[in-house]
Amino acid sequence: MWLGVAALALPTMLALAQGPWQEESGVHGVIVLFTGLWLVWRRQTDLAKVGRAGSPLVTGLLLAVALPVYMAGRAFEFISIETAALLLAMVAVAYEYLGAAALKLLWFPIIYLGFVVPLPGWFLDAITLPLKELVSEIVTNGLAAVGYPVGRLGVTLYIGSYQLLVEDACAGLNSLISLSAIGLFYVYLIRGSNPVYSGLLLLLVIPVAVAANCVRVAALVLITYHFGNAMAQGYLHNFAGMVTFVSALLLIFGIDWLLTPLRRWLAPDGETT
């Protein structure tokens, strides 16, 4: 049965590598895949202790859903549906060999591997535009408050004689997805699998990602105003994105440290985090 899953997985992995994983919105996918599989591997001793064969009926029902959906996604090149169905098929096979108790141990790696599933383009478009408008408005109001001659029309910013368009990369959605995945991996690995605390930190990632990208856009606007468009759109543009992401990640770690009392309070009795 695992050979059958491998036969499904190989073409899907190839499609991901040739498509979503080459785009900024999906660059985290390959990292999540390997770290997620490592999270499963590191629990192998515990899985051997609790592993029991699952119900063939349940396995059959799961595969009855996963396989047709996978084939439809594959046939019509819906990579999001194809990848999600593949993950469900893997869960079904794991249940067949290891049972429900083992899947309970693997609840976090399974959810974490869900970040491998690329978001559909229509969803990205629907979320990106409001984020761009929010970032544009915050940056415009902030710079205007300290005296800069800045205006806004939609997602286009005007400062001095320059006109700047807030692109999708500056909206924060890519950072939001990557920060969510890395943040959850960090919490699970360092702090343990507390679902309530993991969910709380995931919610806090949203304002962190938006704030970090506001700083990024504001910095690029100021560089353009003081040093010219060529300076802002060159090396500094990509460098600003890298610094923004690292800074946001460090801020998440800092928030986690500040929430230490809450994390300990939420921890089950006898568990230390």
Protein backbone atom coordinates (compact mmCIF):
# COMPACT_ATOMS: atom_id res chain seq x y z
CA MET A 1 0.00 0.00 0.00
CA TRP A 2 2.90 2.36 0.73
CA LEU A 3 4.18 1.70 -2.78
CA GLY A 4 0.84 2.92 -4.12
CA VAL A 5 1.13 6.12 -2.07
CA ALA A 6 4.67 6.62 -3.38
CA ALA A 7 3.39 6.22 -6.93
CA LEU A 8 0.89 9.01 -6.25
CA ALA A 9 3.39 11.20 -4.39
CA LEU A 10 6.19 11.32 -6.97
CA PRO A 11 4.25 13.09 -9.77
CA THR A 12 2.69 15.46 -7.24
CA MET A 13 6.09 16.37 -5.77
CA LEU A 14 7.40 16.97 -9.28
CA ALA A 15 4.44 19.23 -10.08
CA LEU A 16 4.99 21.18 -6.86
CA ALA A 17 8.69 21.58 -7.59
CA GLN A 18 7.98 22.86 -11.10
CA GLY A 19 5.17 25.17 -10.01
CA PRO A 20 4.22 26.51 -6.55
CA TRP A 21 7.60 25.87 -4.90
CA GLN A 22 9.24 28.20 -7.41
CA GLU A 23 6.93 31.05 -6.45
CA GLU A 24 7.40 33.31 -3.44
CA SER A 25 4.04 32.27 -1.98
CA GLY A 26 5.07 28.60 -1.91
CA VAL A 27 8.80 28.72 -1.24
CA HIS A 28 8.22 27.39 2.28
CA GLY A 29 6.65 24.17 0.92
CA VAL A 30 9.79 22.09 0.50
CA ILE A 31 11.03 23.14 3.97
CA VAL A 32 7.71 22.14 5.53
CA LEU A 33 7.76 18.80 3.69
CA PHE A 34 11.14 17.68 4.97
CA THR A 35 10.75 19.08 8.48
CA GLY A 36 7.26 17.57 8.71
CA LEU A 37 8.52 14.13 7.71
CA TRP A 38 11.32 14.52 10.24
CA LEU A 39 8.73 15.26 12.95
CA VAL A 40 7.03 11.97 12.08
CA TRP A 41 10.32 10.06 12.03
CA ARG A 42 11.38 11.33 15.47
CA ARG A 43 8.23 9.80 17.00
CA GLN A 44 8.93 6.34 15.62
CA THR A 45 9.71 4.86 19.07
CA ASP A 46 6.40 6.11 20.49
CA LEU A 47 4.57 4.97 17.37
CA ALA A 48 5.99 1.46 17.73
CA LYS A 49 4.58 1.29 21.27
CA VAL A 50 1.03 2.35 20.47
CA GLY A 51 0.76 1.24 16.85
CA ARG A 52 -2.12 -1.16 16.13
CA ALA A 53 -3.71 -2.00 12.81
CA GLY A 54 -6.69 0.23 12.07
CA SER A 55 -10.09 -0.70 10.73
CA PRO A 56 -10.00 -1.65 7.02
CA LEU A 57 -13.47 -0.15 6.68
CA VAL A 58 -12.31 3.28 7.87
CA THR A 59 -9.24 3.06 5.64
CA GLY A 60 -11.42 2.15 2.68
CA LEU A 61 -13.76 5.07 3.31
CA LEU A 62 -10.87 7.53 3.55
CA LEU A 63 -9.30 6.21 0.36
CA ALA A 64 -12.70 6.24 -1.37
CA VAL A 65 -12.66 10.00 -0.85
CA ALA A 66 -8.95 10.68 -1.36
CA LEU A 67 -8.31 8.74 -4.57
CA PRO A 68 -11.11 10.16 -6.77
CA VAL A 69 -10.34 13.66 -5.55
CA TYR A 70 -6.65 13.09 -6.27
CA MET A 71 -7.38 11.87 -9.80
CA ALA A 72 -9.66 14.85 -10.45
CA GLY A 73 -7.04 17.28 -9.20
CA ARG A 74 -4.38 15.56 -11.27
CA ALA A 75 -6.50 15.42 -14.43
CA PHE A 76 -7.57 19.08 -14.29
CA GLU A 77 -4.22 20.34 -12.91
CA PHE A 78 -5.67 21.62 -9.65
CA ILE A 79 -2.47 21.25 -7.66
CA SER A 80 -4.06 22.37 -4.39
CA ILE A 81 -6.75 19.68 -4.57
CA GLU A 82 -4.24 17.09 -5.76
CA THR A 83 -1.85 17.76 -2.88
CA ALA A 84 -4.60 17.84 -0.23
CA ALA A 85 -5.97 14.52 -1.49
CA LEU A 86 -2.49 13.01 -1.41
CA LEU A 87 -2.09 14.06 2.23
CA LEU A 88 -5.45 12.47 3.06
CA ALA A 89 -4.38 9.24 1.32
CA MET A 90 -1.17 9.19 3.38
CA VAL A 91 -3.18 9.64 6.57
CA ALA A 92 -5.46 6.78 5.52
CA VAL A 93 -2.53 4.43 4.93
CA ALA A 94 -0.89 5.47 8.21
CA TYR A 95 -4.15 4.70 9.98
CA GLU A 96 -4.34 1.28 8.32
CA TYR A 97 -0.93 0.25 9.66
CA LEU A 98 -0.71 2.21 12.92
CA GLY A 99 -4.28 2.90 14.06
CA ALA A 100 -6.03 5.85 15.67
CA ALA A 101 -3.76 6.05 18.74
CA ALA A 102 -0.73 6.63 16.54
CA LEU A 103 -2.50 9.29 14.49
CA LYS A 104 -3.38 11.04 17.75
CA LEU A 105 0.34 11.25 18.50
CA LEU A 106 0.92 12.67 15.03
CA TRP A 107 -1.82 15.30 15.09
CA PHE A 108 0.62 18.19 14.92
CA PRO A 109 2.87 16.84 12.11
CA ILE A 110 -0.25 16.10 10.07
CA ILE A 111 -1.59 19.64 10.50
CA TYR A 112 1.87 21.08 9.92
CA LEU A 113 2.24 19.14 6.66
CA GLY A 114 -0.96 20.85 5.55
CA PHE A 115 1.22 23.89 4.81
CA VAL A 116 2.63 21.89 1.89
CA VAL A 117 -0.75 22.27 0.17
CA PRO A 118 -0.46 25.42 -1.99
CA LEU A 119 -3.24 27.94 -1.56
CA PRO A 120 -5.49 28.31 -4.64
CA GLY A 121 -4.82 31.32 -6.82
CA TRP A 122 -8.35 32.73 -6.34
CA PHE A 123 -7.86 32.63 -2.56
CA LEU A 124 -4.49 34.34 -2.78
CA ASP A 125 -5.97 37.09 -4.96
CA ALA A 126 -8.93 37.58 -2.61
CA ILE A 127 -6.68 37.95 0.46
CA THR A 128 -3.78 39.84 -1.11
CA LEU A 129 -5.71 42.91 -2.28
CA PRO A 130 -7.19 43.78 1.14
CA LEU A 131 -3.78 43.24 2.73
CA LYS A 132 -2.14 45.56 0.19
CA GLU A 133 -4.75 48.22 0.85
CA LEU A 134 -4.29 47.88 4.61
CA VAL A 135 -0.50 48.14 4.38
CA SER A 136 -0.77 51.10 1.99
CA GLU A 137 -3.13 52.97 4.29
CA ILE A 138 -1.03 52.37 7.42
CA VAL A 139 2.17 53.47 5.69
CA THR A 140 0.55 56.57 4.17
CA ASN A 141 -0.99 57.69 7.46
CA GLY A 142 2.20 56.97 9.38
CA LEU A 143 4.51 58.91 7.05
CA ALA A 144 2.03 61.77 6.69
CA ALA A 145 1.86 62.04 10.48
CA VAL A 146 5.60 62.79 10.66
CA GLY A 147 5.49 65.35 7.88
CA TYR A 148 6.29 63.52 4.66
CA PRO A 149 4.43 64.63 1.49
CA VAL A 150 2.79 61.28 0.84
CA GLY A 151 -0.57 60.42 -0.68
CA ARG A 152 -2.37 57.25 -1.71
CA LEU A 153 -4.71 56.12 -4.45
CA GLY A 154 -5.68 52.51 -3.88
CA VAL A 155 -2.42 50.60 -3.53
CA THR A 156 -0.35 53.27 -5.30
CA LEU A 157 1.66 55.60 -3.07
CA TYR A 158 2.78 59.08 -4.11
CA ILE A 159 5.67 60.77 -2.34
CA GLY A 160 7.36 63.85 -3.76
CA SER A 161 7.76 63.26 -7.47
CA TYR A 162 7.71 59.48 -7.13
CA GLN A 163 4.94 56.96 -7.65
CA LEU A 164 5.20 53.53 -6.05
CA LEU A 165 2.92 50.53 -6.46
CA VAL A 166 2.60 48.21 -3.46
CA GLU A 167 3.17 44.80 -5.01
CA ASP A 168 1.81 41.44 -3.86
CA ALA A 169 5.11 40.56 -2.18
CA CYS A 170 4.79 43.63 0.06
CA ALA A 171 1.25 42.78 1.18
CA GLY A 172 2.49 40.37 3.83
CA LEU A 173 0.59 37.25 2.73
CA ASN A 174 3.74 35.34 1.80
CA SER A 175 5.34 36.29 5.10
CA LEU A 176 2.15 35.36 6.92
CA ILE A 177 2.10 31.82 5.51
CA SER A 178 5.83 31.21 6.02
CA LEU A 179 5.86 32.73 9.50
CA SER A 180 2.85 30.64 10.50
CA ALA A 181 4.57 27.44 9.41
CA ILE A 182 7.93 28.25 10.98
CA GLY A 183 6.32 29.65 14.12
CA LEU A 184 4.27 26.51 14.68
CA PHE A 185 7.29 24.30 14.02
CA TYR A 186 9.23 26.27 16.62
CA VAL A 187 6.47 26.05 19.22
CA TYR A 188 6.05 22.31 18.76
CA LEU A 189 9.74 21.54 18.77
CA ILE A 190 10.75 23.78 21.67
CA ARG A 191 7.57 24.12 23.73
CA GLY A 192 5.63 20.93 23.11
CA SER A 193 2.31 20.15 21.46
CA ASN A 194 -0.14 22.37 23.30
CA PRO A 195 -2.96 23.04 20.80
CA VAL A 196 -4.36 26.07 22.65
CA TYR A 197 -1.01 27.83 22.90
CA SER A 198 -0.11 26.89 19.31
CA GLY A 199 -3.36 28.42 18.12
CA LEU A 200 -2.76 31.57 20.14
CA LEU A 201 0.71 32.09 18.71
CA LEU A 202 -0.65 31.45 15.21
CA LEU A 203 -3.18 34.26 15.70
CA LEU A 204 -0.40 36.59 16.87
CA VAL A 205 1.56 35.87 13.69
CA ILE A 206 -1.04 37.82 11.68
CA PRO A 207 -0.43 41.29 13.20
CA VAL A 208 3.32 40.60 13.32
CA ALA A 209 3.42 39.86 9.58
CA VAL A 210 1.32 42.92 8.71
CA ALA A 211 3.40 45.21 10.95
CA ALA A 212 6.68 43.87 9.54
CA ASN A 213 5.55 44.50 5.97
CA CYS A 214 4.36 48.00 6.86
CA VAL A 215 7.90 48.71 8.06
CA ARG A 216 9.27 47.21 4.84
CA VAL A 217 7.07 49.35 2.60
CA ALA A 218 7.72 52.47 4.66
CA ALA A 219 11.48 51.89 4.44
CA LEU A 220 11.33 51.50 0.66
CA VAL A 221 9.20 54.64 0.33
CA LEU A 222 11.71 56.63 2.40
CA ILE A 223 14.67 55.25 0.43
CA THR A 224 12.92 56.26 -2.80
CA TYR A 225 12.18 59.74 -1.48
CA HIS A 226 15.70 60.44 -0.19
CA PHE A 227 17.91 58.43 -2.58
CA GLY A 228 15.86 57.80 -5.71
CA ASN A 229 13.87 54.99 -7.27
CA ALA A 230 16.90 53.13 -8.62
CA MET A 231 18.29 52.69 -5.12
CA ALA A 232 15.00 51.39 -3.68
CA GLN A 233 14.26 48.96 -6.52
CA GLY A 234 17.75 47.47 -6.67
CA TYR A 235 19.52 45.28 -4.18
CA LEU A 236 17.90 47.04 -1.23
CA HIS A 237 14.44 45.86 -2.32
CA ASN A 238 15.28 42.19 -1.90
CA PHE A 239 17.46 42.89 1.13
CA ALA A 240 14.57 44.70 2.81
CA GLY A 241 12.36 41.66 2.32
CA MET A 242 14.93 39.37 3.89
CA VAL A 243 15.49 41.68 6.86
CA THR A 244 11.73 42.06 7.33
CA PHE A 245 11.18 38.31 7.47
CA VAL A 246 14.04 37.68 9.90
CA SER A 247 12.92 40.57 12.12
CA ALA A 248 9.35 39.26 12.20
CA LEU A 249 10.59 35.79 13.08
CA LEU A 250 12.69 37.17 15.93
CA LEU A 251 9.67 39.14 17.12
CA ILE A 252 7.63 35.93 17.26
CA PHE A 253 10.35 34.33 19.38
CA GLY A 254 10.26 37.39 21.64
CA ILE A 255 6.48 37.17 21.99
CA ASP A 256 6.83 33.51 22.88
CA TRP A 257 9.30 34.45 25.62
CA LEU A 258 6.96 37.13 26.98
CA LEU A 259 4.10 34.62 27.05
CA THR A 260 6.07 32.12 29.15
CA PRO A 261 3.74 32.47 32.20
CA LEU A 262 0.67 31.90 30.01
CA ARG A 263 2.30 28.92 28.30
CA ARG A 264 3.06 27.30 31.65
CA TRP A 265 -0.47 27.94 32.84
CA LEU A 266 -1.90 26.29 29.72
CA ALA A 267 0.42 23.28 29.96
CA PRO A 268 -1.24 20.06 31.16
CA ASP A 269 -0.50 18.99 34.72
CA GLY A 270 2.96 17.54 35.04
CA GLU A 271 4.15 18.87 31.68
CA THR A 272 6.95 21.44 31.66
CA THR A 273 7.52 23.78 28.75
